[in-house]
C-alpha atoms as a PDB file:
ATOM      1  CA  UNK A   1      13.876 123.998  62.289  1.00  0.00           C
ATOM      2  CA  UNK A   2      17.464 123.857  63.487  1.00  0.00           C
ATOM      3  CA  UNK A   3      19.085 121.146  61.346  1.00  0.00           C
ATOM      4  CA  UNK A   4      22.437 121.234  63.156  1.00  0.00           C
ATOM      5  CA  UNK A   5      23.322 119.250  66.297  1.00  0.00           C
ATOM      6  CA  UNK A   6      24.977 120.837  69.319  1.00  0.00           C
ATOM      7  CA  UNK A   7      28.769 121.097  69.070  1.00  0.00           C
ATOM      8  CA  UNK A   8      29.745 118.614  71.757  1.00  0.00           C
ATOM      9  CA  UNK A   9      33.319 118.062  72.883  1.00  0.00           C
ATOM     10  CA  UNK A  10      33.317 114.655  71.175  1.00  0.00           C
ATOM     11  CA  UNK A  11      32.138 116.134  67.872  1.00  0.00           C
ATOM     12  CA  UNK A  12      34.685 118.917  68.092  1.00  0.00           C
ATOM     13  CA  UNK A  13      37.618 116.609  68.855  1.00  0.00           C
ATOM     14  CA  UNK A  14      36.616 114.355  65.961  1.00  0.00           C
ATOM     15  CA  UNK A  15      36.867 117.357  63.620  1.00  0.00           C
ATOM     16  CA  UNK A  16      39.869 118.985  65.306  1.00  0.00           C
ATOM     17  CA  UNK A  17      42.140 116.428  67.049  1.00  0.00           C
ATOM     18  CA  UNK A  18      44.486 117.777  69.709  1.00  0.00           C
ATOM     19  CA  UNK A  19      48.001 118.281  68.397  1.00  0.00           C
ATOM     20  CA  UNK A  20      51.397 119.269  69.739  1.00  0.00           C
ATOM     21  CA  UNK A  21      54.092 121.271  67.925  1.00  0.00           C
ATOM     22  CA  UNK A  22      57.582 119.840  68.460  1.00  0.00           C
ATOM     23  CA  UNK A  23      61.093 120.691  67.227  1.00  0.00           C
ATOM     24  CA  UNK A  24      61.635 118.889  63.925  1.00  0.00           C
ATOM     25  CA  UNK A  25      64.917 117.335  65.045  1.00  0.00           C
ATOM     26  CA  UNK A  26      63.185 115.691  68.009  1.00  0.00           C
ATOM     27  CA  UNK A  27      60.430 114.246  65.830  1.00  0.00           C
ATOM     28  CA  UNK A  28      62.832 112.969  63.209  1.00  0.00           C
ATOM     29  CA  UNK A  29      65.186 111.445  65.783  1.00  0.00           C
ATOM     30  CA  UNK A  30      62.222 109.772  67.453  1.00  0.00           C
ATOM     31  CA  UNK A  31      61.072 108.369  64.116  1.00  0.00           C
ATOM     32  CA  UNK A  32      64.600 107.266  63.238  1.00  0.00           C
ATOM     33  CA  UNK A  33      64.836 109.760  60.381  1.00  0.00           C
ATOM     34  CA  UNK A  34      68.219 111.501  60.066  1.00  0.00           C
ATOM     35  CA  UNK A  35      67.400 113.294  56.801  1.00  0.00           C
ATOM     36  CA  UNK A  36      67.264 116.750  58.350  1.00  0.00           C
ATOM     37  CA  UNK A  37      70.669 118.344  58.000  1.00  0.00           C
ATOM     38  CA  UNK A  38      72.318 121.684  58.683  1.00  0.00           C
ATOM     39  CA  UNK A  39      73.017 123.549  61.876  1.00  0.00           C
ATOM     40  CA  UNK A  40      69.626 125.206  62.366  1.00  0.00           C
ATOM     41  CA  UNK A  41      68.624 125.614  66.024  1.00  0.00           C
ATOM     42  CA  UNK A  42      66.012 123.201  67.301  1.00  0.00           C
ATOM     43  CA  UNK A  43      63.366 125.900  67.468  1.00  0.00           C
ATOM     44  CA  UNK A  44      63.803 126.957  63.835  1.00  0.00           C
ATOM     45  CA  UNK A  45      61.471 124.290  62.488  1.00  0.00           C
ATOM     46  CA  UNK A  46      58.510 122.552  64.066  1.00  0.00           C
ATOM     47  CA  UNK A  47      56.296 119.622  63.148  1.00  0.00           C
ATOM     48  CA  UNK A  48      52.708 119.316  64.395  1.00  0.00           C
ATOM     49  CA  UNK A  49      51.590 115.855  65.456  1.00  0.00           C
ATOM     50  CA  UNK A  50      48.585 114.178  66.996  1.00  0.00           C
ATOM     51  CA  UNK A  51      50.114 111.838  69.568  1.00  0.00           C
ATOM     52  CA  UNK A  52      49.029 108.916  71.712  1.00  0.00           C
ATOM     53  CA  UNK A  53      49.587 109.057  75.478  1.00  0.00           C
ATOM     54  CA  UNK A  54      52.370 106.448  75.276  1.00  0.00           C
ATOM     55  CA  UNK A  55      54.226 108.354  72.554  1.00  0.00           C
ATOM     56  CA  UNK A  56      53.919 111.599  74.530  1.00  0.00           C
ATOM     57  CA  UNK A  57      55.550 109.931  77.528  1.00  0.00           C
ATOM     58  CA  UNK A  58      58.426 108.658  75.394  1.00  0.00           C
ATOM     59  CA  UNK A  59      58.917 112.105  73.845  1.00  0.00           C
ATOM     60  CA  UNK A  60      58.900 113.716  77.279  1.00  0.00           C
ATOM     61  CA  UNK A  61      61.777 111.438  78.303  1.00  0.00           C
ATOM     62  CA  UNK A  62      63.685 112.232  75.106  1.00  0.00           C
ATOM     63  CA  UNK A  63      63.225 115.973  75.630  1.00  0.00           C
ATOM     64  CA  UNK A  64      64.318 115.730  79.268  1.00  0.00           C
ATOM     65  CA  UNK A  65      67.503 113.951  78.125  1.00  0.00           C
ATOM     66  CA  UNK A  66      68.173 116.626  75.484  1.00  0.00           C
ATOM     67  CA  UNK A  67      67.692 119.397  78.059  1.00  0.00           C
ATOM     68  CA  UNK A  68      70.275 117.800  80.360  1.00  0.00           C
ATOM     69  CA  UNK A  69      72.737 117.425  77.473  1.00  0.00           C
ATOM     70  CA  UNK A  70      72.480 121.039  76.223  1.00  0.00           C
ATOM     71  CA  UNK A  71      75.641 123.058  76.738  1.00  0.00           C
ATOM     72  CA  UNK A  72      75.664 126.724  77.716  1.00  0.00           C
ATOM     73  CA  UNK A  73      76.202 127.613  74.038  1.00  0.00           C
ATOM     74  CA  UNK A  74      72.902 125.994  73.037  1.00  0.00           C
ATOM     75  CA  UNK A  75      70.451 128.060  75.069  1.00  0.00           C
ATOM     76  CA  UNK A  76      68.050 128.641  72.164  1.00  0.00           C
ATOM     77  CA  UNK A  77      67.890 124.886  71.567  1.00  0.00           C
ATOM     78  CA  UNK A  78      67.397 124.262  75.282  1.00  0.00           C
ATOM     79  CA  UNK A  79      64.570 126.812  75.372  1.00  0.00           C
ATOM     80  CA  UNK A  80      62.852 125.041  72.463  1.00  0.00           C
ATOM     81  CA  UNK A  81      63.145 121.658  74.184  1.00  0.00           C
ATOM     82  CA  UNK A  82      61.824 123.105  77.470  1.00  0.00           C
ATOM     83  CA  UNK A  83      58.880 124.687  75.661  1.00  0.00           C
ATOM     84  CA  UNK A  84      58.035 121.396  73.942  1.00  0.00           C
ATOM     85  CA  UNK A  85      58.321 119.475  77.205  1.00  0.00           C
ATOM     86  CA  UNK A  86      55.953 121.932  78.860  1.00  0.00           C
ATOM     87  CA  UNK A  87      53.550 121.669  75.914  1.00  0.00           C
ATOM     88  CA  UNK A  88      53.493 117.861  76.132  1.00  0.00           C
ATOM     89  CA  UNK A  89      52.861 117.962  79.893  1.00  0.00           C
ATOM     90  CA  UNK A  90      50.146 120.590  79.365  1.00  0.00           C
ATOM     91  CA  UNK A  91      48.534 118.358  76.746  1.00  0.00           C
ATOM     92  CA  UNK A  92      48.327 115.644  79.409  1.00  0.00           C
ATOM     93  CA  UNK A  93      46.447 118.199  81.571  1.00  0.00           C
ATOM     94  CA  UNK A  94      49.168 118.073  84.229  1.00  0.00           C
ATOM     95  CA  UNK A  95      49.136 121.856  84.368  1.00  0.00           C
ATOM     96  CA  UNK A  96      51.078 122.431  87.598  1.00  0.00           C
ATOM     97  CA  UNK A  97      53.953 120.299  86.274  1.00  0.00           C
ATOM     98  CA  UNK A  98      54.031 122.216  82.985  1.00  0.00           C
ATOM     99  CA  UNK A  99      54.802 125.527  84.719  1.00  0.00           C
ATOM    100  CA  UNK A 100      58.469 124.835  85.485  1.00  0.00           C
ATOM    101  CA  UNK A 101      59.700 123.941  81.963  1.00  0.00           C
ATOM    102  CA  UNK A 102      57.611 126.703  80.385  1.00  0.00           C
ATOM    103  CA  UNK A 103      58.857 129.260  82.905  1.00  0.00           C
ATOM    104  CA  UNK A 104      62.461 128.190  82.255  1.00  0.00           C
ATOM    105  CA  UNK A 105      61.915 128.369  78.493  1.00  0.00           C
ATOM    106  CA  UNK A 106      60.399 131.839  78.783  1.00  0.00           C
ATOM    107  CA  UNK A 107      63.373 133.075  80.787  1.00  0.00           C
ATOM    108  CA  UNK A 108      65.891 131.653  78.306  1.00  0.00           C
ATOM    109  CA  UNK A 109      64.008 132.929  75.260  1.00  0.00           C
ATOM    110  CA  UNK A 110      63.639 136.387  76.769  1.00  0.00           C
ATOM    111  CA  UNK A 111      67.384 136.502  77.426  1.00  0.00           C
ATOM    112  CA  UNK A 112      68.471 135.041  74.075  1.00  0.00           C
ATOM    113  CA  UNK A 113      65.816 136.357  71.692  1.00  0.00           C
ATOM    114  CA  UNK A 114      64.205 139.311  73.451  1.00  0.00           C
ATOM    115  CA  UNK A 115      60.807 139.788  75.075  1.00  0.00           C
ATOM    116  CA  UNK A 116      59.046 140.573  71.782  1.00  0.00           C
ATOM    117  CA  UNK A 117      60.376 137.716  69.651  1.00  0.00           C
ATOM    118  CA  UNK A 118      57.708 135.413  68.194  1.00  0.00           C
ATOM    119  CA  UNK A 119      59.008 132.330  70.041  1.00  0.00           C
ATOM    120  CA  UNK A 120      59.197 134.181  73.369  1.00  0.00           C
ATOM    121  CA  UNK A 121      55.623 135.392  72.934  1.00  0.00           C
ATOM    122  CA  UNK A 122      54.453 131.893  72.014  1.00  0.00           C
ATOM    123  CA  UNK A 123      55.902 130.494  75.250  1.00  0.00           C
ATOM    124  CA  UNK A 124      54.368 133.369  77.232  1.00  0.00           C
ATOM    125  CA  UNK A 125      50.999 132.568  75.625  1.00  0.00           C
ATOM    126  CA  UNK A 126      51.199 128.881  76.566  1.00  0.00           C
ATOM    127  CA  UNK A 127      52.261 129.671  80.130  1.00  0.00           C
ATOM    128  CA  UNK A 128      49.234 131.941  80.411  1.00  0.00           C
ATOM    129  CA  UNK A 129      46.979 129.101  79.282  1.00  0.00           C
ATOM    130  CA  UNK A 130      48.576 126.759  81.829  1.00  0.00           C
ATOM    131  CA  UNK A 131      47.837 129.237  84.641  1.00  0.00           C
ATOM    132  CA  UNK A 132      44.302 129.685  83.322  1.00  0.00           C
ATOM    133  CA  UNK A 133      43.654 125.936  83.442  1.00  0.00           C
ATOM    134  CA  UNK A 134      44.374 125.604  87.171  1.00  0.00           C
ATOM    135  CA  UNK A 135      41.747 126.005  89.867  1.00  0.00           C
ATOM    136  CA  UNK A 136      43.307 129.062  91.468  1.00  0.00           C
ATOM    137  CA  UNK A 137      42.065 132.652  91.523  1.00  0.00           C
ATOM    138  CA  UNK A 138      45.619 133.980  91.876  1.00  0.00           C
ATOM    139  CA  UNK A 139      46.815 132.018  88.840  1.00  0.00           C
ATOM    140  CA  UNK A 140      43.763 133.083  86.860  1.00  0.00           C
ATOM    141  CA  UNK A 141      44.720 136.694  87.575  1.00  0.00           C
ATOM    142  CA  UNK A 142      48.291 135.974  86.433  1.00  0.00           C
ATOM    143  CA  UNK A 143      46.938 134.330  83.306  1.00  0.00           C
ATOM    144  CA  UNK A 144      44.764 137.335  82.464  1.00  0.00           C
ATOM    145  CA  UNK A 145      47.651 139.761  82.878  1.00  0.00           C
ATOM    146  CA  UNK A 146      49.993 137.532  80.852  1.00  0.00           C
ATOM    147  CA  UNK A 147      47.587 136.887  77.974  1.00  0.00           C
ATOM    148  CA  UNK A 148      46.478 140.534  77.818  1.00  0.00           C
ATOM    149  CA  UNK A 149      50.089 141.726  77.636  1.00  0.00           C
ATOM    150  CA  UNK A 150      50.936 139.014  75.120  1.00  0.00           C
ATOM    151  CA  UNK A 151      48.004 139.968  72.882  1.00  0.00           C
ATOM    152  CA  UNK A 152      48.944 143.640  72.965  1.00  0.00           C
ATOM    153  CA  UNK A 153      52.560 142.884  72.037  1.00  0.00           C
ATOM    154  CA  UNK A 154      51.675 140.363  69.328  1.00  0.00           C
ATOM    155  CA  UNK A 155      49.173 142.769  67.776  1.00  0.00           C
ATOM    156  CA  UNK A 156      51.807 145.505  67.677  1.00  0.00           C
ATOM    157  CA  UNK A 157      54.779 143.370  66.611  1.00  0.00           C
ATOM    158  CA  UNK A 158      53.270 140.548  64.522  1.00  0.00           C
ATOM    159  CA  UNK A 159      50.050 142.174  63.372  1.00  0.00           C
ATOM    160  CA  UNK A 160      46.408 141.598  64.225  1.00  0.00           C
ATOM    161  CA  UNK A 161      45.932 138.869  61.610  1.00  0.00           C
ATOM    162  CA  UNK A 162      48.979 136.792  62.532  1.00  0.00           C
ATOM    163  CA  UNK A 163      47.952 133.229  63.535  1.00  0.00           C
ATOM    164  CA  UNK A 164      49.815 133.524  66.857  1.00  0.00           C
ATOM    165  CA  UNK A 165      48.019 136.790  67.660  1.00  0.00           C
ATOM    166  CA  UNK A 166      44.675 135.188  66.880  1.00  0.00           C
ATOM    167  CA  UNK A 167      45.584 132.166  69.010  1.00  0.00           C
ATOM    168  CA  UNK A 168      46.165 134.418  72.006  1.00  0.00           C
ATOM    169  CA  UNK A 169      42.957 136.347  71.275  1.00  0.00           C
ATOM    170  CA  UNK A 170      41.052 133.051  71.345  1.00  0.00           C
ATOM    171  CA  UNK A 171      42.795 132.058  74.591  1.00  0.00           C
ATOM    172  CA  UNK A 172      41.957 135.371  76.260  1.00  0.00           C
ATOM    173  CA  UNK A 173      38.350 134.877  75.200  1.00  0.00           C
ATOM    174  CA  UNK A 174      38.409 131.471  76.900  1.00  0.00           C
ATOM    175  CA  UNK A 175      39.774 133.084  80.060  1.00  0.00           C
ATOM    176  CA  UNK A 176      36.913 135.586  80.179  1.00  0.00           C
ATOM    177  CA  UNK A 177      34.458 132.742  79.572  1.00  0.00           C
ATOM    178  CA  UNK A 178      36.019 130.877  82.518  1.00  0.00           C
ATOM    179  CA  UNK A 179      35.591 133.965  84.685  1.00  0.00           C
ATOM    180  CA  UNK A 180      31.960 134.289  83.668  1.00  0.00           C
ATOM    181  CA  UNK A 181      32.638 137.548  81.789  1.00  0.00           C
ATOM    182  CA  UNK A 182      30.588 136.458  78.796  1.00  0.00           C
ATOM    183  CA  UNK A 183      30.314 139.829  77.063  1.00  0.00           C
ATOM    184  CA  UNK A 184      34.123 140.187  76.991  1.00  0.00           C
ATOM    185  CA  UNK A 185      34.473 136.576  75.846  1.00  0.00           C
ATOM    186  CA  UNK A 186      31.930 137.086  73.070  1.00  0.00           C
ATOM    187  CA  UNK A 187      33.706 140.218  71.806  1.00  0.00           C
ATOM    188  CA  UNK A 188      37.080 138.432  71.634  1.00  0.00           C
ATOM    189  CA  UNK A 189      35.702 135.217  70.126  1.00  0.00           C
ATOM    190  CA  UNK A 190      33.688 137.106  67.525  1.00  0.00           C
ATOM    191  CA  UNK A 191      36.641 139.227  66.462  1.00  0.00           C
ATOM    192  CA  UNK A 192      38.910 136.174  66.384  1.00  0.00           C
ATOM    193  CA  UNK A 193      36.407 134.200  64.304  1.00  0.00           C
ATOM    194  CA  UNK A 194      35.966 137.067  61.843  1.00  0.00           C
ATOM    195  CA  UNK A 195      39.717 137.321  61.273  1.00  0.00           C
ATOM    196  CA  UNK A 196      40.309 133.546  61.183  1.00  0.00           C
ATOM    197  CA  UNK A 197      37.625 133.105  58.537  1.00  0.00           C
ATOM    198  CA  UNK A 198      39.453 135.654  56.375  1.00  0.00           C
ATOM    199  CA  UNK A 199      43.032 134.557  57.112  1.00  0.00           C
ATOM    200  CA  UNK A 200      42.675 130.782  57.549  1.00  0.00           C
ATOM    201  CA  UNK A 201      39.339 129.859  56.019  1.00  0.00           C
ATOM    202  CA  UNK A 202      36.286 128.129  57.467  1.00  0.00           C
ATOM    203  CA  UNK A 203      37.741 124.590  57.464  1.00  0.00           C
ATOM    204  CA  UNK A 204      40.979 125.346  59.346  1.00  0.00           C
ATOM    205  CA  UNK A 205      41.262 123.701  62.769  1.00  0.00           C
ATOM    206  CA  UNK A 206      41.891 127.040  64.506  1.00  0.00           C
ATOM    207  CA  UNK A 207      38.759 128.532  62.945  1.00  0.00           C
ATOM    208  CA  UNK A 208      36.802 125.481  64.060  1.00  0.00           C
ATOM    209  CA  UNK A 209      38.194 125.897  67.577  1.00  0.00           C
ATOM    210  CA  UNK A 210      36.760 129.418  67.802  1.00  0.00           C
ATOM    211  CA  UNK A 211      33.427 128.247  66.354  1.00  0.00           C
ATOM    212  CA  UNK A 212      33.398 125.584  69.071  1.00  0.00           C
ATOM    213  CA  UNK A 213      34.133 128.143  71.789  1.00  0.00           C
ATOM    214  CA  UNK A 214      31.400 130.471  70.580  1.00  0.00           C
ATOM    215  CA  UNK A 215      28.948 127.582  70.429  1.00  0.00           C
ATOM    216  CA  UNK A 216      29.640 126.884  74.112  1.00  0.00           C
ATOM    217  CA  UNK A 217      29.040 130.541  74.891  1.00  0.00           C
ATOM    218  CA  UNK A 218      25.767 130.476  72.955  1.00  0.00           C
ATOM    219  CA  UNK A 219      24.676 127.117  74.354  1.00  0.00           C
ATOM    220  CA  UNK A 220      20.914 126.929  74.313  1.00  0.00           C
ATOM    221  CA  UNK A 221      20.563 129.732  71.763  1.00  0.00           C
ATOM    222  CA  UNK A 222      19.693 127.561  68.765  1.00  0.00           C
ATOM    223  CA  UNK A 223      19.893 130.279  66.134  1.00  0.00           C
ATOM    224  CA  UNK A 224      23.434 131.226  67.122  1.00  0.00           C
ATOM    225  CA  UNK A 225      24.602 127.613  67.250  1.00  0.00           C
ATOM    226  CA  UNK A 226      23.147 126.791  63.849  1.00  0.00           C
ATOM    227  CA  UNK A 227      24.759 129.822  62.242  1.00  0.00           C
ATOM    228  CA  UNK A 228      28.145 128.900  63.716  1.00  0.00           C
ATOM    229  CA  UNK A 229      27.912 125.305  62.546  1.00  0.00           C
ATOM    230  CA  UNK A 230      27.052 126.457  59.039  1.00  0.00           C
ATOM    231  CA  UNK A 231      30.396 128.291  58.997  1.00  0.00           C
ATOM    232  CA  UNK A 232      32.166 125.017  59.839  1.00  0.00           C
ATOM    233  CA  UNK A 233      30.791 123.313  56.740  1.00  0.00           C
ATOM    234  CA  UNK A 234      31.171 126.093  54.145  1.00  0.00           C
END
């Protein structure tokens, strides 16, 4: 008998809470911590947090203020703030409103860092996910082109096992699942899960995210779901 319950959204979010990566200087200023010193750009260090809705709103206001205050000499910082603002708005599922800051960040990062820099690719990846999440066939097509190009570049530049590459692979799998292209989604999810198990381990939140996605794909196929859940508790 199948001893494992279905992987519901509630179960998944209990195991893997949603988080947002933010520039460390923003987090520390928000928390009233001035310990971080030096002249590193804002995007050089990030902190991952699980945030309440109220805190997200306050951070959005802080980021908007920092964006307005950035001088022309601080374009890399401005790009990092724009990316974080877009990520916070995306996390609130206000996808159409997340496009503008992410698009501006992508433009600045492409100009300042180059199209194949890790940070530029990360913003491109998130913008692709924002397009994917909107109920629009034209934006879904843009998302597919963006994520496919991003995955190809990340694989070539960062390597197939890089966490950012695997994140985009998982996202592209989700896009194919959304389109109803289940065989393509299964191939991407399976490859992503195989590599994440090796690189990150079975208990990592990103590995669990791919297990969750595959369980949705295999919904109703009890043997598949049980095998995936066993991986989550190795």
